[in-house]
Amino acid sequence: MAEKPEKAKVYINKDQYFAGVRPDVWEFHIGGYQVIKKWLSYREKEILGRGLKVEEVHEVMNIARRISAILLLQTALDQNYKEVKNSTFKWPQDN
């Protein structure tokens, strides 16, 4: 049986955190940016002048779920990409 991935607490301040976030989900990058960390950085209390709204907390959970799904599908997505890449139409060369 496969070992369950380790889960961590992602602190957004000294007292509040998101529990159950896998390290690979927290570390996931797109375009050089750590996705969840970047999303949260635009919602810091110093920037907005308020704490996170309940809807924003739910959005972080939704983002984490989407990233988890991408990571779970990564092998299949990589294989699909290779198959598509290798089966593209070969256009005749213009002379």
PDB file of N, CA and C in Angstrom:
ATOM      1  N   MET A   1       0.836  -1.181   0.000  1.00  0.00           N
ATOM      2  CA  MET A   1       0.000   0.000   0.000  1.00  0.00           C
ATOM      3  C   MET A   1       0.881   1.245   0.000  1.00  0.00           C
ATOM      4  N   ALA A   2       0.526   2.216  -0.851  1.00  0.00           N
ATOM      5  CA  ALA A   2       1.309   3.442  -0.963  1.00  0.00           C
ATOM      6  C   ALA A   2       1.194   4.270   0.310  1.00  0.00           C
ATOM      7  N   GLU A   3       2.284   4.928   0.632  1.00  0.00           N
ATOM      8  CA  GLU A   3       2.308   5.777   1.807  1.00  0.00           C
ATOM      9  C   GLU A   3       1.577   7.079   1.505  1.00  0.00           C
ATOM     10  N   LYS A   4       0.773   7.554   2.449  1.00  0.00           N
ATOM     11  CA  LYS A   4       0.059   8.822   2.257  1.00  0.00           C
ATOM     12  C   LYS A   4       1.058   9.967   2.298  1.00  0.00           C
ATOM     13  N   PRO A   5       0.862  10.972   1.413  1.00  0.00           N
ATOM     14  CA  PRO A   5       1.768  12.123   1.446  1.00  0.00           C
ATOM     15  C   PRO A   5       1.653  12.861   2.775  1.00  0.00           C
ATOM     16  N   GLU A   6       2.767  13.394   3.206  1.00  0.00           N
ATOM     17  CA  GLU A   6       2.803  14.188   4.427  1.00  0.00           C
ATOM     18  C   GLU A   6       1.968  15.449   4.220  1.00  0.00           C
ATOM     19  N   LYS A   7       1.298  15.878   5.272  1.00  0.00           N
ATOM     20  CA  LYS A   7       0.516  17.112   5.198  1.00  0.00           C
ATOM     21  C   LYS A   7       1.073  18.099   6.199  1.00  0.00           C
ATOM     22  N   ALA A   8       0.904  19.366   5.894  1.00  0.00           N
ATOM     23  CA  ALA A   8       1.493  20.403   6.737  1.00  0.00           C
ATOM     24  C   ALA A   8       0.482  21.489   7.044  1.00  0.00           C
ATOM     25  N   LYS A   9       0.875  22.340   7.949  1.00  0.00           N
ATOM     26  CA  LYS A   9       0.103  23.536   8.249  1.00  0.00           C
ATOM     27  C   LYS A   9       0.786  24.695   7.536  1.00  0.00           C
ATOM     28  N   VAL A  10       0.000  25.471   6.812  1.00  0.00           N
ATOM     29  CA  VAL A  10       0.513  26.659   6.140  1.00  0.00           C
ATOM     30  C   VAL A  10       0.016  27.860   6.939  1.00  0.00           C
ATOM     31  N   TYR A  11       0.944  28.486   7.651  1.00  0.00           N
ATOM     32  CA  TYR A  11       0.577  29.621   8.501  1.00  0.00           C
ATOM     33  C   TYR A  11       0.447  30.891   7.669  1.00  0.00           C
ATOM     34  N   ILE A  12      -0.647  31.626   7.914  1.00  0.00           N
ATOM     35  CA  ILE A  12      -0.821  32.913   7.255  1.00  0.00           C
ATOM     36  C   ILE A  12      -0.530  34.061   8.229  1.00  0.00           C
ATOM     37  N   ASN A  13      -0.437  33.743   9.491  1.00  0.00           N
ATOM     38  CA  ASN A  13       0.063  34.650  10.522  1.00  0.00           C
ATOM     39  C   ASN A  13       0.457  33.771  11.707  1.00  0.00           C
ATOM     40  N   LYS A  14       0.799  34.377  12.835  1.00  0.00           N
ATOM     41  CA  LYS A  14       1.313  33.559  13.946  1.00  0.00           C
ATOM     42  C   LYS A  14       0.275  32.637  14.566  1.00  0.00           C
ATOM     43  N   ASP A  15      -1.003  32.914  14.343  1.00  0.00           N
ATOM     44  CA  ASP A  15      -2.061  32.121  14.971  1.00  0.00           C
ATOM     45  C   ASP A  15      -2.925  31.328  13.992  1.00  0.00           C
ATOM     46  N   GLN A  16      -3.012  31.756  12.752  1.00  0.00           N
ATOM     47  CA  GLN A  16      -3.940  31.141  11.801  1.00  0.00           C
ATOM     48  C   GLN A  16      -3.187  30.397  10.702  1.00  0.00           C
ATOM     49  N   TYR A  17      -3.773  29.287  10.301  1.00  0.00           N
ATOM     50  CA  TYR A  17      -3.123  28.463   9.293  1.00  0.00           C
ATOM     51  C   TYR A  17      -4.159  27.646   8.521  1.00  0.00           C
ATOM     52  N   PHE A  18      -3.714  27.137   7.383  1.00  0.00           N
ATOM     53  CA  PHE A  18      -4.482  26.167   6.613  1.00  0.00           C
ATOM     54  C   PHE A  18      -3.888  24.804   6.937  1.00  0.00           C
ATOM     55  N   ALA A  19      -4.697  23.892   7.427  1.00  0.00           N
ATOM     56  CA  ALA A  19      -4.220  22.563   7.796  1.00  0.00           C
ATOM     57  C   ALA A  19      -4.417  21.593   6.643  1.00  0.00           C
ATOM     58  N   GLY A  20      -3.582  20.569   6.609  1.00  0.00           N
ATOM     59  CA  GLY A  20      -3.757  19.494   5.637  1.00  0.00           C
ATOM     60  C   GLY A  20      -3.272  19.809   4.237  1.00  0.00           C
ATOM     61  N   VAL A  21      -2.389  20.784   4.100  1.00  0.00           N
ATOM     62  CA  VAL A  21      -1.854  21.134   2.781  1.00  0.00           C
ATOM     63  C   VAL A  21      -0.594  20.302   2.550  1.00  0.00           C
ATOM     64  N   ARG A  22      -0.615  19.492   1.492  1.00  0.00           N
ATOM     65  CA  ARG A  22       0.571  18.689   1.178  1.00  0.00           C
ATOM     66  C   ARG A  22       1.709  19.610   0.733  1.00  0.00           C
ATOM     67  N   PRO A  23       2.941  19.285   1.100  1.00  0.00           N
ATOM     68  CA  PRO A  23       4.076  20.126   0.700  1.00  0.00           C
ATOM     69  C   PRO A  23       4.176  20.326  -0.814  1.00  0.00           C
ATOM     70  N   ASP A  24       3.872  19.283  -1.613  1.00  0.00           N
ATOM     71  CA  ASP A  24       3.972  19.454  -3.064  1.00  0.00           C
ATOM     72  C   ASP A  24       2.904  20.396  -3.600  1.00  0.00           C
ATOM     73  N   VAL A  25       1.774  20.487  -2.908  1.00  0.00           N
ATOM     74  CA  VAL A  25       0.722  21.435  -3.295  1.00  0.00           C
ATOM     75  C   VAL A  25       1.170  22.848  -2.943  1.00  0.00           C
ATOM     76  N   TRP A  26       1.695  23.040  -1.732  1.00  0.00           N
ATOM     77  CA  TRP A  26       2.165  24.353  -1.311  1.00  0.00           C
ATOM     78  C   TRP A  26       3.321  24.834  -2.190  1.00  0.00           C
ATOM     79  N   GLU A  27       4.201  23.932  -2.586  1.00  0.00           N
ATOM     80  CA  GLU A  27       5.387  24.293  -3.372  1.00  0.00           C
ATOM     81  C   GLU A  27       5.121  24.411  -4.873  1.00  0.00           C
ATOM     82  N   PHE A  28       3.916  24.084  -5.336  1.00  0.00           N
ATOM     83  CA  PHE A  28       3.596  24.084  -6.759  1.00  0.00           C
ATOM     84  C   PHE A  28       3.791  25.478  -7.357  1.00  0.00           C
ATOM     85  N   HIS A  29       4.524  25.518  -8.477  1.00  0.00           N
ATOM     86  CA  HIS A  29       4.848  26.775  -9.159  1.00  0.00           C
ATOM     87  C   HIS A  29       4.233  26.810 -10.560  1.00  0.00           C
ATOM     88  N   ILE A  30       3.808  27.980 -10.968  1.00  0.00           N
ATOM     89  CA  ILE A  30       3.422  28.249 -12.353  1.00  0.00           C
ATOM     90  C   ILE A  30       4.097  29.559 -12.730  1.00  0.00           C
ATOM     91  N   GLY A  31       4.786  29.551 -13.843  1.00  0.00           N
ATOM     92  CA  GLY A  31       5.449  30.772 -14.304  1.00  0.00           C
ATOM     93  C   GLY A  31       6.448  31.330 -13.309  1.00  0.00           C
ATOM     94  N   GLY A  32       7.067  30.455 -12.548  1.00  0.00           N
ATOM     95  CA  GLY A  32       8.063  30.884 -11.577  1.00  0.00           C
ATOM     96  C   GLY A  32       7.497  31.331 -10.236  1.00  0.00           C
ATOM     97  N   TYR A  33       6.187  31.299 -10.091  1.00  0.00           N
ATOM     98  CA  TYR A  33       5.560  31.740  -8.847  1.00  0.00           C
ATOM     99  C   TYR A  33       4.943  30.576  -8.092  1.00  0.00           C
ATOM    100  N   GLN A  34       5.112  30.594  -6.793  1.00  0.00           N
ATOM    101  CA  GLN A  34       4.488  29.616  -5.910  1.00  0.00           C
ATOM    102  C   GLN A  34       3.015  30.032  -5.786  1.00  0.00           C
ATOM    103  N   VAL A  35       2.118  29.248  -6.388  1.00  0.00           N
ATOM    104  CA  VAL A  35       0.744  29.660  -6.648  1.00  0.00           C
ATOM    105  C   VAL A  35      -0.008  30.132  -5.400  1.00  0.00           C
ATOM    106  N   ILE A  36      -0.119  29.293  -4.391  1.00  0.00           N
ATOM    107  CA  ILE A  36      -0.921  29.657  -3.216  1.00  0.00           C
ATOM    108  C   ILE A  36      -0.277  30.814  -2.471  1.00  0.00           C
ATOM    109  N   LYS A  37       1.032  30.759  -2.320  1.00  0.00           N
ATOM    110  CA  LYS A  37       1.742  31.833  -1.624  1.00  0.00           C
ATOM    111  C   LYS A  37       1.536  33.165  -2.342  1.00  0.00           C
ATOM    112  N   LYS A  38       1.624  33.160  -3.661  1.00  0.00           N
ATOM    113  CA  LYS A  38       1.438  34.387  -4.444  1.00  0.00           C
ATOM    114  C   LYS A  38       0.013  34.906  -4.291  1.00  0.00           C
ATOM    115  N   TRP A  39      -0.969  34.000  -4.384  1.00  0.00           N
ATOM    116  CA  TRP A  39      -2.377  34.393  -4.252  1.00  0.00           C
ATOM    117  C   TRP A  39      -2.602  35.055  -2.901  1.00  0.00           C
ATOM    118  N   LEU A  40      -2.057  34.446  -1.852  1.00  0.00           N
ATOM    119  CA  LEU A  40      -2.216  35.007  -0.505  1.00  0.00           C
ATOM    120  C   LEU A  40      -1.474  36.334  -0.339  1.00  0.00           C
ATOM    121  N   SER A  41      -0.355  36.500  -1.049  1.00  0.00           N
ATOM    122  CA  SER A  41       0.434  37.725  -0.887  1.00  0.00           C
ATOM    123  C   SER A  41      -0.345  38.971  -1.297  1.00  0.00           C
ATOM    124  N   TYR A  42      -1.271  38.822  -2.218  1.00  0.00           N
ATOM    125  CA  TYR A  42      -2.091  39.961  -2.634  1.00  0.00           C
ATOM    126  C   TYR A  42      -3.214  40.247  -1.653  1.00  0.00           C
ATOM    127  N   ARG A  43      -3.375  39.397  -0.664  1.00  0.00           N
ATOM    128  CA  ARG A  43      -4.461  39.554   0.289  1.00  0.00           C
ATOM    129  C   ARG A  43      -3.952  39.734   1.716  1.00  0.00           C
ATOM    130  N   GLU A  44      -2.709  40.180   1.824  1.00  0.00           N
ATOM    131  CA  GLU A  44      -2.159  40.417   3.160  1.00  0.00           C
ATOM    132  C   GLU A  44      -2.899  41.575   3.819  1.00  0.00           C
ATOM    133  N   LYS A  45      -3.026  41.475   5.112  1.00  0.00           N
ATOM    134  CA  LYS A  45      -3.762  42.485   5.871  1.00  0.00           C
ATOM    135  C   LYS A  45      -3.181  43.889   5.660  1.00  0.00           C
ATOM    136  N   GLU A  46      -1.862  43.985   5.553  1.00  0.00           N
ATOM    137  CA  GLU A  46      -1.214  45.281   5.351  1.00  0.00           C
ATOM    138  C   GLU A  46      -1.608  45.897   4.006  1.00  0.00           C
ATOM    139  N   ILE A  47      -1.919  45.056   3.038  1.00  0.00           N
ATOM    140  CA  ILE A  47      -2.296  45.542   1.703  1.00  0.00           C
ATOM    141  C   ILE A  47      -3.777  45.905   1.661  1.00  0.00           C
ATOM    142  N   LEU A  48      -4.629  45.001   2.136  1.00  0.00           N
ATOM    143  CA  LEU A  48      -6.075  45.216   2.054  1.00  0.00           C
ATOM    144  C   LEU A  48      -6.654  45.984   3.240  1.00  0.00           C
ATOM    145  N   GLY A  49      -5.925  46.017   4.334  1.00  0.00           N
ATOM    146  CA  GLY A  49      -6.436  46.681   5.525  1.00  0.00           C
ATOM    147  C   GLY A  49      -7.475  45.856   6.263  1.00  0.00           C
ATOM    148  N   ARG A  50      -7.519  44.560   5.984  1.00  0.00           N
ATOM    149  CA  ARG A  50      -8.476  43.658   6.633  1.00  0.00           C
ATOM    150  C   ARG A  50      -7.937  42.239   6.544  1.00  0.00           C
ATOM    151  N   GLY A  51      -8.514  41.378   7.347  1.00  0.00           N
ATOM    152  CA  GLY A  51      -8.170  39.958   7.273  1.00  0.00           C
ATOM    153  C   GLY A  51      -8.861  39.296   6.092  1.00  0.00           C
ATOM    154  N   LEU A  52      -8.576  38.020   5.916  1.00  0.00           N
ATOM    155  CA  LEU A  52      -9.220  37.263   4.833  1.00  0.00           C
ATOM    156  C   LEU A  52     -10.702  37.093   5.107  1.00  0.00           C
ATOM    157  N   LYS A  53     -11.491  37.198   4.058  1.00  0.00           N
ATOM    158  CA  LYS A  53     -12.924  36.910   4.152  1.00  0.00           C
ATOM    159  C   LYS A  53     -13.115  35.397   4.066  1.00  0.00           C
ATOM    160  N   VAL A  54     -14.247  34.927   4.541  1.00  0.00           N
ATOM    161  CA  VAL A  54     -14.557  33.495   4.482  1.00  0.00           C
ATOM    162  C   VAL A  54     -14.484  33.002   3.044  1.00  0.00           C
ATOM    163  N   GLU A  55     -14.982  33.787   2.110  1.00  0.00           N
ATOM    164  CA  GLU A  55     -14.955  33.394   0.691  1.00  0.00           C
ATOM    165  C   GLU A  55     -13.520  33.226   0.193  1.00  0.00           C
ATOM    166  N   GLU A  56     -12.613  34.065   0.683  1.00  0.00           N
ATOM    167  CA  GLU A  56     -11.213  33.971   0.282  1.00  0.00           C
ATOM    168  C   GLU A  56     -10.550  32.731   0.880  1.00  0.00           C
ATOM    169  N   VAL A  57     -10.896  32.396   2.096  1.00  0.00           N
ATOM    170  CA  VAL A  57     -10.390  31.166   2.718  1.00  0.00           C
ATOM    171  C   VAL A  57     -10.863  29.962   1.906  1.00  0.00           C
ATOM    172  N   HIS A  58     -12.124  29.960   1.511  1.00  0.00           N
ATOM    173  CA  HIS A  58     -12.661  28.869   0.689  1.00  0.00           C
ATOM    174  C   HIS A  58     -11.946  28.803  -0.655  1.00  0.00           C
ATOM    175  N   GLU A  59     -11.609  29.946  -1.212  1.00  0.00           N
ATOM    176  CA  GLU A  59     -10.904  29.957  -2.502  1.00  0.00           C
ATOM    177  C   GLU A  59      -9.516  29.332  -2.379  1.00  0.00           C
ATOM    178  N   VAL A  60      -8.825  29.584  -1.278  1.00  0.00           N
ATOM    179  CA  VAL A  60      -7.525  28.946  -1.057  1.00  0.00           C
ATOM    180  C   VAL A  60      -7.694  27.432  -1.026  1.00  0.00           C
ATOM    181  N   MET A  61      -8.723  26.961  -0.349  1.00  0.00           N
ATOM    182  CA  MET A  61      -8.980  25.510  -0.302  1.00  0.00           C
ATOM    183  C   MET A  61      -9.267  24.984  -1.713  1.00  0.00           C
ATOM    184  N   ASN A  62     -10.037  25.738  -2.498  1.00  0.00           N
ATOM    185  CA  ASN A  62     -10.335  25.314  -3.871  1.00  0.00           C
ATOM    186  C   ASN A  62      -9.083  25.289  -4.738  1.00  0.00           C
ATOM    187  N   ILE A  63      -8.226  26.283  -4.592  1.00  0.00           N
ATOM    188  CA  ILE A  63      -6.971  26.308  -5.342  1.00  0.00           C
ATOM    189  C   ILE A  63      -6.123  25.098  -4.971  1.00  0.00           C
ATOM    190  N   ALA A  64      -6.035  24.796  -3.675  1.00  0.00           N
ATOM    191  CA  ALA A  64      -5.250  23.637  -3.218  1.00  0.00           C
ATOM    192  C   ALA A  64      -5.812  22.341  -3.801  1.00  0.00           C
ATOM    193  N   ARG A  65      -7.127  22.218  -3.860  1.00  0.00           N
ATOM    194  CA  ARG A  65      -7.737  21.014  -4.450  1.00  0.00           C
ATOM    195  C   ARG A  65      -7.408  20.899  -5.931  1.00  0.00           C
ATOM    196  N   ARG A  66      -7.470  22.012  -6.648  1.00  0.00           N
ATOM    197  CA  ARG A  66      -7.158  21.982  -8.085  1.00  0.00           C
ATOM    198  C   ARG A  66      -5.706  21.598  -8.322  1.00  0.00           C
ATOM    199  N   ILE A  67      -4.806  22.163  -7.526  1.00  0.00           N
ATOM    200  CA  ILE A  67      -3.391  21.819  -7.659  1.00  0.00           C
ATOM    201  C   ILE A  67      -3.188  20.342  -7.340  1.00  0.00           C
ATOM    202  N   SER A  68      -3.849  19.834  -6.316  1.00  0.00           N
ATOM    203  CA  SER A  68      -3.749  18.406  -5.981  1.00  0.00           C
ATOM    204  C   SER A  68      -4.188  17.545  -7.160  1.00  0.00           C
ATOM    205  N   ALA A  69      -5.275  17.934  -7.808  1.00  0.00           N
ATOM    206  CA  ALA A  69      -5.758  17.171  -8.965  1.00  0.00           C
ATOM    207  C   ALA A  69      -4.737  17.199 -10.096  1.00  0.00           C
ATOM    208  N   ILE A  70      -4.149  18.350 -10.355  1.00  0.00           N
ATOM    209  CA  ILE A  70      -3.122  18.459 -11.400  1.00  0.00           C
ATOM    210  C   ILE A  70      -1.956  17.539 -11.078  1.00  0.00           C
ATOM    211  N   LEU A  71      -1.508  17.561  -9.822  1.00  0.00           N
ATOM    212  CA  LEU A  71      -0.378  16.714  -9.427  1.00  0.00           C
ATOM    213  C   LEU A  71      -0.716  15.231  -9.550  1.00  0.00           C
ATOM    214  N   LEU A  72      -1.937  14.862  -9.189  1.00  0.00           N
ATOM    215  CA  LEU A  72      -2.346  13.464  -9.317  1.00  0.00           C
ATOM    216  C   LEU A  72      -2.429  13.028 -10.780  1.00  0.00           C
ATOM    217  N   LEU A  73      -2.784  13.954 -11.656  1.00  0.00           N
ATOM    218  CA  LEU A  73      -2.917  13.650 -13.086  1.00  0.00           C
ATOM    219  C   LEU A  73      -1.628  13.863 -13.878  1.00  0.00           C
ATOM    220  N   GLN A  74      -0.600  14.372 -13.242  1.00  0.00           N
ATOM    221  CA  GLN A  74       0.603  14.800 -13.953  1.00  0.00           C
ATOM    222  C   GLN A  74       1.200  13.718 -14.850  1.00  0.00           C
ATOM    223  N   THR A  75       1.327  12.509 -14.368  1.00  0.00           N
ATOM    224  CA  THR A  75       1.902  11.436 -15.185  1.00  0.00           C
ATOM    225  C   THR A  75       1.044  11.180 -16.421  1.00  0.00           C
ATOM    226  N   ALA A  76      -0.261  11.095 -16.237  1.00  0.00           N
ATOM    227  CA  ALA A  76      -1.169  10.867 -17.371  1.00  0.00           C
ATOM    228  C   ALA A  76      -1.145  12.048 -18.331  1.00  0.00           C
ATOM    229  N   LEU A  77      -1.095  13.259 -17.811  1.00  0.00           N
ATOM    230  CA  LEU A  77      -1.046  14.442 -18.674  1.00  0.00           C
ATOM    231  C   LEU A  77       0.249  14.488 -19.465  1.00  0.00           C
ATOM    232  N   ASP A  78       1.361  14.150 -18.833  1.00  0.00           N
ATOM    233  CA  ASP A  78       2.645  14.113 -19.539  1.00  0.00           C
ATOM    234  C   ASP A  78       2.633  13.071 -20.648  1.00  0.00           C
ATOM    235  N   GLN A  79       2.067  11.902 -20.366  1.00  0.00           N
ATOM    236  CA  GLN A  79       1.978  10.845 -21.374  1.00  0.00           C
ATOM    237  C   GLN A  79       1.084  11.272 -22.527  1.00  0.00           C
ATOM    238  N   ASN A  80      -0.035  11.883 -22.221  1.00  0.00           N
ATOM    239  CA  ASN A  80      -0.947  12.363 -23.263  1.00  0.00           C
ATOM    240  C   ASN A  80      -0.251  13.394 -24.144  1.00  0.00           C
ATOM    241  N   TYR A  81       0.504  14.297 -23.542  1.00  0.00           N
ATOM    242  CA  TYR A  81       1.239  15.305 -24.309  1.00  0.00           C
ATOM    243  C   TYR A  81       2.210  14.637 -25.276  1.00  0.00           C
ATOM    244  N   LYS A  82       2.954  13.639 -24.794  1.00  0.00           N
ATOM    245  CA  LYS A  82       3.906  12.935 -25.655  1.00  0.00           C
ATOM    246  C   LYS A  82       3.206  12.250 -26.819  1.00  0.00           C
ATOM    247  N   GLU A  83       2.064  11.626 -26.538  1.00  0.00           N
ATOM    248  CA  GLU A  83       1.319  10.945 -27.599  1.00  0.00           C
ATOM    249  C   GLU A  83       0.805  11.930 -28.643  1.00  0.00           C
ATOM    250  N   VAL A  84       0.283  13.044 -28.197  1.00  0.00           N
ATOM    251  CA  VAL A  84      -0.209  14.060 -29.129  1.00  0.00           C
ATOM    252  C   VAL A  84       0.947  14.639 -29.935  1.00  0.00           C
ATOM    253  N   LYS A  85       2.033  14.938 -29.266  1.00  0.00           N
ATOM    254  CA  LYS A  85       3.205  15.516 -29.937  1.00  0.00           C
ATOM    255  C   LYS A  85       3.735  14.573 -31.016  1.00  0.00           C
ATOM    256  N   ASN A  86       3.735  13.283 -30.723  1.00  0.00           N
ATOM    257  CA  ASN A  86       4.265  12.301 -31.671  1.00  0.00           C
ATOM    258  C   ASN A  86       3.288  11.933 -32.777  1.00  0.00           C
ATOM    259  N   SER A  87       2.051  12.367 -32.672  1.00  0.00           N
ATOM    260  CA  SER A  87       1.079  11.987 -33.700  1.00  0.00           C
ATOM    261  C   SER A  87       0.529  13.198 -34.456  1.00  0.00           C
ATOM    262  N   THR A  88       1.258  14.294 -34.439  1.00  0.00           N
ATOM    263  CA  THR A  88       0.793  15.475 -35.166  1.00  0.00           C
ATOM    264  C   THR A  88       0.966  15.287 -36.666  1.00  0.00           C
ATOM    265  N   PHE A  89       0.177  15.996 -37.412  1.00  0.00           N
ATOM    266  CA  PHE A  89       0.237  15.936 -38.864  1.00  0.00           C
ATOM    267  C   PHE A  89       1.538  16.558 -39.350  1.00  0.00           C
ATOM    268  N   LYS A  90       2.197  15.873 -40.253  1.00  0.00           N
ATOM    269  CA  LYS A  90       3.446  16.374 -40.820  1.00  0.00           C
ATOM    270  C   LYS A  90       3.110  17.136 -42.098  1.00  0.00           C
ATOM    271  N   TRP A  91       3.213  18.452 -42.045  1.00  0.00           N
ATOM    272  CA  TRP A  91       2.928  19.268 -43.213  1.00  0.00           C
ATOM    273  C   TRP A  91       4.054  19.146 -44.225  1.00  0.00           C
ATOM    274  N   PRO A  92       3.697  19.096 -45.514  1.00  0.00           N
ATOM    275  CA  PRO A  92       4.755  19.062 -46.547  1.00  0.00           C
ATOM    276  C   PRO A  92       5.555  20.363 -46.499  1.00  0.00           C
ATOM    277  N   GLN A  93       6.814  20.243 -46.755  1.00  0.00           N
ATOM    278  CA  GLN A  93       7.678  21.417 -46.755  1.00  0.00           C
ATOM    279  C   GLN A  93       7.433  22.243 -48.006  1.00  0.00           C
ATOM    280  N   ASP A  94       7.359  23.556 -47.861  1.00  0.00           N
ATOM    281  CA  ASP A  94       7.247  24.450 -49.020  1.00  0.00           C
ATOM    282  C   ASP A  94       8.592  24.532 -49.710  1.00  0.00           C
ATOM    283  N   ASN A  95       8.580  24.471 -51.019  1.00  0.00           N
ATOM    284  CA  ASN A  95       9.840  24.588 -51.797  1.00  0.00           C
ATOM    285  C   ASN A  95       9.879  25.864 -52.555  1.00  0.00           C
TER     286      ASN A  95
END
